[in-house]
């Protein structure tokens, strides 16, 4: 039970860190109303969308996944180790957010300042 509680705390801290990353990137990219949402395998942007929606999508997705995982543990029998699910979600969200911010900031450096 202790490992499950520790993994839930880890996942919540990771979700909070993802919100912090989104807020910092939102401030750094404030000069752009629209930023790339999709990238080709070559790293070139293929689709643009609103900055706020893009940056805060991953943190809210993490919260949703943690909530669904918690609800599933409350109503379904746990097969295996449920702590692994919380650890995986907690580690995945900041890693994904860092990758997306890195791609967008790499694109932003190529844009001329207005």
Protein backbone atom coordinates (compact mmCIF):
# COMPACT_ATOMS: atom_id res chain seq x y z
CA UNK A 1 0.00 0.00 0.00
CA UNK A 2 2.92 2.33 0.71
CA UNK A 3 4.27 1.90 -2.82
CA UNK A 4 0.87 2.78 -4.28
CA UNK A 5 0.62 5.96 -2.21
CA UNK A 6 4.18 6.94 -3.14
CA UNK A 7 3.47 6.36 -6.83
CA UNK A 8 0.29 8.47 -6.67
CA UNK A 9 2.20 11.30 -4.98
CA UNK A 10 4.95 11.01 -7.63
CA UNK A 11 2.36 11.18 -10.43
CA UNK A 12 0.66 14.23 -8.90
CA UNK A 13 3.99 16.03 -8.51
CA UNK A 14 4.81 15.22 -12.14
CA UNK A 15 1.43 16.62 -13.25
CA UNK A 16 2.10 19.78 -11.29
CA UNK A 17 5.54 20.04 -12.91
CA UNK A 18 3.89 19.70 -16.32
CA UNK A 19 1.60 22.66 -15.53
CA UNK A 20 4.67 24.67 -14.47
CA UNK A 21 6.43 23.79 -17.72
CA UNK A 22 3.35 24.86 -19.69
CA UNK A 23 3.13 28.19 -17.85
CA UNK A 24 6.81 28.98 -18.39
CA UNK A 25 6.59 28.09 -22.09
CA UNK A 26 3.43 30.17 -22.43
CA UNK A 27 5.30 33.20 -21.13
CA UNK A 28 8.32 32.57 -23.40
CA UNK A 29 6.16 32.11 -26.48
CA UNK A 30 3.74 34.97 -25.74
CA UNK A 31 4.66 36.76 -28.98
CA UNK A 32 3.01 33.99 -31.01
CA UNK A 33 -0.78 33.64 -31.15
CA UNK A 34 -0.49 30.38 -33.08
CA UNK A 35 2.26 27.82 -32.69
CA UNK A 36 2.95 24.48 -34.39
CA UNK A 37 0.82 21.60 -33.13
CA UNK A 38 2.08 18.88 -35.42
CA UNK A 39 5.53 18.13 -36.77
CA UNK A 40 6.69 15.90 -39.58
CA UNK A 41 9.33 13.26 -38.95
CA UNK A 42 11.87 15.77 -40.27
CA UNK A 43 10.87 18.17 -37.48
CA UNK A 44 9.06 20.69 -39.70
CA UNK A 45 5.72 22.10 -38.51
CA UNK A 46 2.70 20.82 -40.44
CA UNK A 47 -0.23 22.34 -38.51
CA UNK A 48 -0.62 25.46 -36.34
CA UNK A 49 -3.12 26.19 -33.58
CA UNK A 50 -3.77 28.43 -30.55
CA UNK A 51 -0.83 28.62 -28.15
CA UNK A 52 -2.78 28.20 -24.89
CA UNK A 53 -4.68 25.13 -26.00
CA UNK A 54 -1.53 23.39 -27.18
CA UNK A 55 0.58 24.11 -24.12
CA UNK A 56 -2.06 23.14 -21.56
CA UNK A 57 -3.37 20.04 -23.37
CA UNK A 58 -0.73 17.66 -21.99
CA UNK A 59 -1.09 18.73 -18.33
CA UNK A 60 -4.88 18.33 -18.46
CA UNK A 61 -4.48 15.01 -20.26
CA UNK A 62 -2.27 13.83 -17.39
CA UNK A 63 -4.88 14.89 -14.83
CA UNK A 64 -7.57 13.05 -16.79
CA UNK A 65 -5.47 9.88 -17.05
CA UNK A 66 -4.66 9.95 -13.33
CA UNK A 67 -8.32 10.45 -12.49
CA UNK A 68 -9.41 7.59 -14.72
CA UNK A 69 -6.72 5.35 -13.27
CA UNK A 70 -7.82 6.21 -9.74
CA UNK A 71 -11.47 5.57 -10.60
CA UNK A 72 -10.61 2.25 -12.19
CA UNK A 73 -8.80 1.19 -9.01
CA UNK A 74 -11.82 2.18 -6.95
CA UNK A 75 -14.32 0.19 -9.01
CA UNK A 76 -12.37 -2.59 -10.71
CA UNK A 77 -10.17 -5.30 -9.23
CA UNK A 78 -6.47 -4.51 -9.52
CA UNK A 79 -4.56 -7.13 -11.45
CA UNK A 80 -0.82 -6.81 -11.08
CA UNK A 81 0.77 -3.73 -9.55
CA UNK A 82 -1.33 -0.56 -9.98
CA UNK A 83 1.56 1.58 -8.74
CA UNK A 84 3.28 1.00 -12.08
CA UNK A 85 0.40 2.73 -13.90
CA UNK A 86 0.76 5.84 -11.75
CA UNK A 87 4.54 5.86 -12.20
CA UNK A 88 4.21 5.49 -15.97
CA UNK A 89 1.63 8.28 -16.29
CA UNK A 90 3.65 10.51 -13.97
CA UNK A 91 6.86 10.04 -15.93
CA UNK A 92 5.23 10.19 -19.38
CA UNK A 93 3.47 13.56 -19.04
CA UNK A 94 6.51 15.76 -18.25
CA UNK A 95 8.61 13.89 -20.81
CA UNK A 96 5.99 14.51 -23.51
CA UNK A 97 5.60 18.15 -22.48
CA UNK A 98 9.37 18.71 -22.62
CA UNK A 99 9.55 17.17 -26.10
CA UNK A 100 6.72 19.34 -27.42
CA UNK A 101 8.11 22.52 -25.88
CA UNK A 102 11.55 21.72 -27.28
CA UNK A 103 10.11 21.30 -30.80
CA UNK A 104 8.09 24.53 -30.59
CA UNK A 105 10.97 26.56 -29.17
CA UNK A 106 13.27 25.23 -31.88
CA UNK A 107 10.72 26.48 -34.43
CA UNK A 108 10.35 29.82 -32.57
CA UNK A 109 14.08 30.52 -32.83
CA UNK A 110 13.80 30.44 -36.62
CA UNK A 111 11.02 33.06 -36.67
CA UNK A 112 11.91 36.72 -37.02
CA UNK A 113 10.91 39.01 -34.16
CA UNK A 114 8.14 41.49 -35.08
